[in-house]
N, C-alpha and C. Protein backbone atom coordinates (compact mmCIF):
# COMPACT_ATOMS: atom_id res chain seq x y z
N UNK A 1 21.89 17.26 -125.00
CA UNK A 1 22.25 17.60 -123.64
C UNK A 1 23.33 16.66 -123.56
N UNK A 2 24.71 17.32 -123.17
CA UNK A 2 25.80 15.95 -123.00
C UNK A 2 25.93 14.88 -122.57
N UNK A 3 25.10 14.77 -121.36
CA UNK A 3 25.19 13.45 -120.39
C UNK A 3 24.11 12.63 -121.39
N UNK A 4 23.09 13.26 -122.15
CA UNK A 4 22.22 12.18 -122.56
C UNK A 4 23.09 11.36 -124.14
N UNK A 5 23.70 12.31 -124.43
CA UNK A 5 24.92 11.91 -125.86
C UNK A 5 25.86 10.95 -125.12
N UNK A 6 26.33 11.10 -124.11
CA UNK A 6 27.22 10.23 -123.30
C UNK A 6 26.61 8.73 -123.17
N UNK A 7 25.49 9.07 -122.57
CA UNK A 7 24.69 7.54 -122.15
C UNK A 7 24.35 6.96 -123.59
N UNK A 8 23.88 7.86 -124.78
CA UNK A 8 23.90 6.84 -125.97
C UNK A 8 24.75 6.42 -126.39
N UNK A 9 25.88 6.64 -126.21
CA UNK A 9 27.27 6.01 -126.70
C UNK A 9 27.57 4.83 -125.79
N UNK A 10 27.44 5.10 -124.44
CA UNK A 10 27.94 4.12 -123.49
C UNK A 10 26.93 2.79 -123.43
N UNK A 11 25.59 3.20 -123.44
CA UNK A 11 24.49 2.05 -123.08
C UNK A 11 24.98 0.95 -123.89
N UNK A 12 25.00 0.97 -125.32
CA UNK A 12 25.64 -0.30 -125.90
C UNK A 12 26.62 -1.08 -125.44
N UNK A 13 27.53 -0.41 -125.32
CA UNK A 13 28.66 -1.15 -124.66
C UNK A 13 28.49 -1.60 -123.48
N UNK A 14 27.41 -1.25 -122.31
CA UNK A 14 27.45 -1.73 -121.25
C UNK A 14 26.24 -2.68 -121.39
N UNK A 15 25.49 -2.82 -122.46
CA UNK A 15 24.70 -3.85 -122.70
C UNK A 15 25.37 -5.05 -123.11
N UNK A 16 26.37 -5.11 -123.94
CA UNK A 16 27.29 -6.13 -124.70
C UNK A 16 28.09 -6.67 -123.20
N UNK A 17 28.49 -6.04 -122.48
CA UNK A 17 29.45 -6.34 -121.40
C UNK A 17 28.31 -7.27 -120.31
N UNK A 18 27.24 -6.29 -120.29
CA UNK A 18 26.23 -7.60 -119.39
C UNK A 18 25.76 -8.81 -119.70
N UNK A 19 25.96 -8.90 -121.37
CA UNK A 19 25.60 -10.20 -121.85
C UNK A 19 26.64 -10.81 -121.88
N UNK A 20 27.74 -10.82 -121.25
CA UNK A 20 28.81 -11.53 -121.56
C UNK A 20 28.73 -12.60 -120.33
N UNK A 21 29.47 -13.85 -120.46
CA UNK A 21 29.59 -14.33 -119.19
C UNK A 21 30.69 -13.78 -118.38
N UNK A 22 30.62 -14.02 -116.71
CA UNK A 22 31.38 -13.24 -115.79
C UNK A 22 32.82 -13.84 -116.34
N UNK A 23 33.58 -12.89 -116.15
CA UNK A 23 35.51 -13.56 -116.36
C UNK A 23 35.84 -14.02 -115.25
N UNK A 24 36.57 -14.99 -115.23
CA UNK A 24 37.37 -15.49 -114.07
C UNK A 24 38.16 -14.59 -113.25
N UNK A 25 37.80 -14.41 -112.18
CA UNK A 25 38.54 -13.48 -111.40
C UNK A 25 38.94 -13.79 -110.14
N UNK A 26 40.60 -14.07 -110.12
CA UNK A 26 41.19 -14.58 -108.93
C UNK A 26 40.94 -14.28 -107.54
N UNK A 27 39.57 -14.39 -106.84
CA UNK A 27 39.51 -13.88 -105.47
C UNK A 27 40.20 -14.92 -104.55
N UNK A 28 40.42 -14.33 -103.49
CA UNK A 28 40.91 -14.68 -102.29
C UNK A 28 40.52 -14.40 -101.12
N UNK A 29 40.64 -15.26 -100.07
CA UNK A 29 40.11 -15.00 -98.80
C UNK A 29 40.99 -13.75 -97.92
N UNK A 30 40.29 -12.89 -97.16
CA UNK A 30 40.76 -11.47 -96.33
C UNK A 30 41.65 -12.26 -95.69
N UNK A 31 42.74 -11.46 -95.26
CA UNK A 31 44.14 -12.09 -94.42
C UNK A 31 44.88 -12.78 -95.27
N UNK A 32 44.51 -13.50 -96.11
CA UNK A 32 45.52 -14.20 -97.12
C UNK A 32 46.62 -13.84 -97.66
N UNK A 33 47.90 -14.45 -98.70
CA UNK A 33 48.55 -13.52 -99.11
C UNK A 33 48.33 -13.31 -100.74
N UNK A 34 47.19 -13.50 -101.05
CA UNK A 34 46.46 -13.11 -102.22
C UNK A 34 46.39 -14.35 -102.99
N UNK A 35 45.65 -14.02 -104.22
CA UNK A 35 45.57 -15.09 -105.49
C UNK A 35 46.89 -16.09 -105.75
N UNK A 36 46.48 -17.17 -105.97
CA UNK A 36 47.82 -17.89 -106.26
C UNK A 36 48.26 -17.72 -107.79
N UNK A 37 47.74 -16.93 -108.57
CA UNK A 37 47.91 -16.44 -109.82
C UNK A 37 49.13 -15.25 -109.66
N UNK A 38 48.88 -14.55 -108.34
CA UNK A 38 50.03 -13.42 -108.20
C UNK A 38 51.21 -14.00 -107.99
N UNK A 39 51.50 -15.54 -107.49
CA UNK A 39 52.98 -16.26 -107.34
C UNK A 39 53.24 -16.72 -108.40
N UNK A 40 52.05 -17.22 -109.49
CA UNK A 40 52.43 -17.62 -110.80
C UNK A 40 53.00 -16.61 -111.55
N UNK A 41 52.56 -15.67 -111.58
CA UNK A 41 53.02 -14.48 -112.53
C UNK A 41 54.68 -14.09 -112.27
N UNK A 42 54.88 -13.99 -110.82
CA UNK A 42 56.34 -13.85 -110.57
C UNK A 42 57.18 -14.98 -110.81
N UNK A 43 56.83 -16.21 -110.57
CA UNK A 43 57.44 -17.52 -110.70
C UNK A 43 57.59 -17.86 -112.58
N UNK A 44 56.92 -17.22 -113.13
CA UNK A 44 57.46 -17.20 -114.88
C UNK A 44 58.79 -16.97 -115.10
N UNK A 45 59.06 -15.91 -114.32
CA UNK A 45 60.40 -15.00 -114.78
C UNK A 45 61.33 -15.42 -113.58
N UNK A 46 61.03 -16.32 -112.48
CA UNK A 46 62.01 -16.96 -111.67
C UNK A 46 62.13 -15.98 -110.49
N UNK A 47 61.12 -15.41 -109.95
CA UNK A 47 60.91 -14.24 -108.90
C UNK A 47 59.64 -14.97 -108.02
N UNK A 48 59.80 -14.36 -106.86
CA UNK A 48 58.78 -14.70 -105.90
C UNK A 48 58.36 -13.66 -104.74
N UNK A 49 57.41 -13.71 -104.26
CA UNK A 49 57.09 -12.55 -103.21
C UNK A 49 57.66 -12.45 -102.12
N UNK A 50 58.14 -11.55 -101.33
CA UNK A 50 58.69 -11.52 -100.28
C UNK A 50 57.96 -10.93 -99.27
N UNK A 51 57.43 -11.67 -98.03
CA UNK A 51 56.62 -11.55 -97.15
C UNK A 51 57.21 -11.00 -96.34
N UNK A 52 56.29 -10.00 -95.52
CA UNK A 52 56.98 -9.21 -94.74
C UNK A 52 56.30 -9.51 -93.26
């Protein structure tokens, strides 16, 4: 069965991902302009976001 073969392939990958520590994800409050990392991304090249 194709679905069983897919799970046999994917399950070891999912198990490794589950065992790793969570990645640092730049969460931000609803209604804000987004994470500071977004500003830093553009600032590296001398740009900035234009708020509307």
